[in-house]
Protein backbone atom coordinates (compact mmCIF):
# COMPACT_ATOMS: atom_id res chain seq x y z
CA MET A 1 40.21 70.95 75.80
CA HIS A 2 41.16 70.64 72.23
CA GLU A 3 44.13 68.44 73.38
CA ALA A 4 41.94 66.02 75.20
CA VAL A 5 39.38 65.89 71.85
CA ARG A 6 42.62 65.62 69.58
CA SER A 7 44.20 62.77 72.05
CA LEU A 8 41.27 60.82 71.97
CA LEU A 9 40.69 61.20 68.36
CA ALA A 10 44.27 60.26 67.54
CA ASP A 11 43.49 56.84 69.23
CA GLY A 12 40.90 55.87 66.91
CA ARG A 13 38.09 56.58 69.41
CA THR A 14 34.86 58.10 67.37
CA ASP A 15 32.13 57.70 70.38
CA LEU A 16 33.68 60.47 72.91
CA THR A 17 31.92 61.62 75.80
CA VAL A 18 31.90 64.61 77.72
CA ARG A 19 32.64 63.11 80.92
CA GLU A 20 35.86 61.49 79.64
CA ILE A 21 37.39 64.80 77.86
CA ALA A 22 36.27 66.54 80.98
CA GLU A 23 38.26 64.46 83.22
CA LEU A 24 41.28 64.35 80.34
CA SER A 25 41.11 67.97 80.69
CA GLY A 26 40.86 68.15 84.22
CA VAL A 27 37.73 70.42 83.97
CA HIS A 28 34.17 70.06 85.08
CA GLU A 29 31.91 68.79 82.18
CA VAL A 30 29.50 71.79 82.86
CA THR A 31 32.40 73.77 81.90
CA ILE A 32 32.07 71.82 78.35
CA TYR A 33 28.32 71.78 77.67
CA ARG A 34 28.58 75.82 78.47
CA ARG A 35 31.19 76.42 75.84
CA TRP A 36 30.27 73.84 73.28
CA GLY A 37 26.74 72.15 74.11
CA SER A 38 27.54 68.79 72.88
CA VAL A 39 30.79 66.68 71.81
CA GLU A 40 29.68 67.05 68.18
CA THR A 41 30.41 70.64 68.46
CA LEU A 42 33.45 70.43 70.45
CA VAL A 43 35.00 68.14 68.03
CA LEU A 44 33.72 70.52 64.73
CA ASP A 45 35.77 73.06 67.23
CA VAL A 46 38.64 71.44 67.28
CA ALA A 47 38.86 70.08 63.60
CA THR A 48 38.30 73.43 62.42
CA ALA A 49 40.88 75.22 64.50
CA ARG A 50 43.38 72.13 63.05
CA LEU A 51 42.40 72.24 59.88
CA ASN A 52 42.51 76.05 59.52
CA GLU A 53 45.91 75.85 60.47
CA GLN A 54 47.22 73.17 58.91
CA ALA A 55 45.53 73.14 55.29
CA PRO A 56 44.76 76.73 54.48
CA PHE A 57 44.14 76.75 50.39
CA PRO A 58 47.24 77.57 49.14
CA ASP A 59 48.29 80.62 46.70
CA THR A 60 50.89 79.51 44.64
CA GLY A 61 50.07 81.25 41.52
CA ASP A 62 49.07 77.88 39.72
CA LEU A 63 45.65 76.79 40.27
CA ARG A 64 46.67 73.17 39.19
CA ASP A 65 49.24 73.16 41.90
CA ASP A 66 46.91 75.10 44.36
CA LEU A 67 44.14 72.27 43.90
CA LEU A 68 46.52 69.28 44.15
CA THR A 69 48.08 70.59 47.58
CA TRP A 70 44.57 71.50 49.15
CA ALA A 71 42.96 68.19 47.76
CA GLY A 72 45.72 66.65 48.79
CA ALA A 73 45.39 67.36 52.13
CA VAL A 74 42.11 66.92 52.60
CA ALA A 75 42.57 63.33 51.35
CA SER A 76 45.67 62.92 53.88
CA GLN A 77 43.28 64.08 56.51
CA LEU A 78 40.59 62.01 56.05
CA ARG A 79 42.69 59.20 56.08
CA ARG A 80 43.56 59.63 60.06
CA PRO A 81 41.32 58.69 62.42
CA ASP A 82 40.69 62.04 63.73
CA GLY A 83 40.13 63.37 60.59
CA PHE A 84 37.83 60.72 59.72
CA ALA A 85 35.89 61.67 63.17
CA PHE A 86 35.38 65.30 61.99
CA PHE A 87 34.29 64.49 58.79
CA ARG A 88 31.51 62.25 60.46
CA ALA A 89 30.69 65.10 63.15
CA LEU A 90 30.22 67.22 59.91
CA THR A 91 28.29 65.04 58.38
CA ALA A 92 25.79 64.39 61.70
CA ALA A 93 25.58 68.37 62.11
CA PHE A 94 24.37 68.39 58.46
CA SER A 95 22.08 65.77 58.21
CA PRO A 96 19.21 65.59 61.21
CA ALA A 97 18.66 61.84 60.21
CA LEU A 98 22.41 60.75 61.37
CA GLY A 99 21.87 62.56 64.65
CA ASP A 100 19.86 64.71 67.31
CA HIS A 101 22.11 67.70 67.00
CA ALA A 102 20.94 71.34 67.87
CA ASP A 103 20.90 73.88 65.80
CA ASP A 104 24.30 75.24 66.99
CA ASP A 105 25.99 72.49 65.93
CA ARG A 106 24.13 72.91 62.49
CA LEU A 107 25.05 76.58 62.01
CA ARG A 108 28.90 75.96 63.15
CA SER A 109 29.21 73.31 60.28
CA GLU A 110 27.53 75.85 57.98
CA ASP A 111 30.08 78.45 59.19
CA TYR A 112 33.03 75.99 58.60
CA VAL A 113 31.95 75.09 55.12
CA SER A 114 31.21 78.78 53.99
CA SER A 115 34.43 79.70 55.31
CA ARG A 116 36.10 76.71 53.23
CA VAL A 117 34.35 77.60 49.95
CA LEU A 118 35.29 81.11 50.39
CA GLU A 119 38.56 80.12 50.46
CA LEU A 120 38.14 77.91 47.42
CA GLN A 121 35.88 80.60 45.47
CA ARG A 122 38.98 83.49 45.85
CA ALA A 123 41.23 80.83 44.61
CA LEU A 124 39.30 80.56 41.39
CA ASP A 125 38.45 84.31 41.03
CA ARG A 126 42.28 85.14 40.90
CA GLU A 127 42.64 82.65 38.59
CA ALA A 128 40.24 84.39 36.29
CA GLU A 129 41.69 87.58 36.83
CA ARG A 130 45.27 85.96 35.48
CA GLY A 131 42.70 84.95 32.35
CA GLY A 132 42.15 81.68 32.97
CA SER A 133 39.06 79.48 33.02
CA PRO A 134 38.75 77.87 36.47
CA PRO A 135 36.28 75.54 37.03
CA THR A 136 33.32 77.02 39.63
CA ALA A 137 33.20 76.27 43.45
CA GLU A 138 30.67 73.54 42.60
CA MET A 139 32.52 71.65 39.93
CA VAL A 140 35.38 71.54 42.37
CA LEU A 141 33.13 70.22 45.43
CA ASP A 142 31.51 67.89 43.02
CA LEU A 143 34.68 66.40 41.05
CA VAL A 144 37.18 66.74 43.80
CA LEU A 145 35.64 66.64 47.65
CA ALA A 146 33.12 64.23 47.01
CA PRO A 147 34.86 61.55 45.62
CA LEU A 148 37.22 62.12 48.15
CA TYR A 149 34.75 62.19 50.81
CA LEU A 150 32.74 58.98 49.35
CA ARG A 151 36.07 57.22 49.26
CA ALA A 152 36.72 57.49 52.93
CA LEU A 153 33.35 56.83 53.87
CA TRP A 154 33.16 53.58 51.68
CA ASP A 155 36.74 53.02 51.16
CA TYR A 156 35.49 51.71 47.68
CA ALA A 157 38.74 53.47 46.21
CA PRO A 158 41.99 54.74 46.65
CA ALA A 159 41.81 58.21 47.73
CA ASP A 160 45.41 58.95 46.42
CA ASP A 161 44.45 59.80 42.23
CA VAL A 162 43.91 63.75 43.70
CA GLU A 163 45.34 64.34 40.20
CA VAL A 164 43.24 62.49 38.40
CA LEU A 165 40.30 64.17 40.22
CA VAL A 166 41.95 67.76 40.26
CA ASP A 167 42.24 67.51 36.24
CA ARG A 168 38.73 66.63 35.79
CA ALA A 169 37.75 69.56 37.47
CA LEU A 170 39.90 72.05 35.74
CA ALA A 171 38.77 70.61 32.35
CA ALA A 172 35.22 71.03 33.26
CA GLY A 173 36.39 74.47 33.53
CA ARG A 174 37.70 75.04 30.14
CA SER A 175 34.32 73.47 28.68
CA SER A 176 32.08 74.98 30.58
CA PRO A 177 31.12 78.78 29.25
CA GLY A 178 31.27 81.34 31.98
CA ALA A 179 32.81 78.85 34.65
CA GLY A 180 36.07 81.03 34.75
CA THR A 181 33.73 84.10 35.65
CA PRO A 182 34.76 85.60 38.96
CA GLY A 183 31.76 84.11 41.50
CA PRO A 184 30.74 86.34 44.63
CA SER A 185 33.29 85.64 47.41
CA GLY A 186 30.94 84.54 49.93
CA GLY A 187 28.93 81.78 51.41
CA ARG A 188 27.79 78.65 50.04
CA PRO A 189 28.26 77.33 46.78
CA ARG A 190 25.23 78.36 44.43
CA GLY A 191 23.36 75.65 42.85
């Protein structure tokens, strides 16, 4: 199933159907509905598996290098048709206004986001333990990821200035009292 979805997304398709995925996979449509419930959930599953394999949060001992590598991987993924399709599915699952998705889609999306924020928080905690003043997870999300996603969505600015975004987040951490305090290593960002 995953290979069929990857193949269709790689062709730039964003309007996948259960029927064509089933035909390409050689399974019955009921199998897909039983396991995933919707195309969006299947796309999320495929994308989550790929991102966890291809873009784990690095741990080189240098937070700036780690953030540059991670944000660069995110920007690269968003420029690919299949990566952008994942972003659309994730956004739709989180926004009822963008689609009529089951609670399972939303829960799967929240699990994905929580796991990625947890990886980020662990990296920030390691930097604080080394005596650095890292930004908070919220700062990284607001100052690095949000601009990358908006640029991918509206194509209004290049996504290749990752260095500027990361440096801005690191500067915010250095100038914010208490930002370098290790946070709870779990769950969604505090806000």
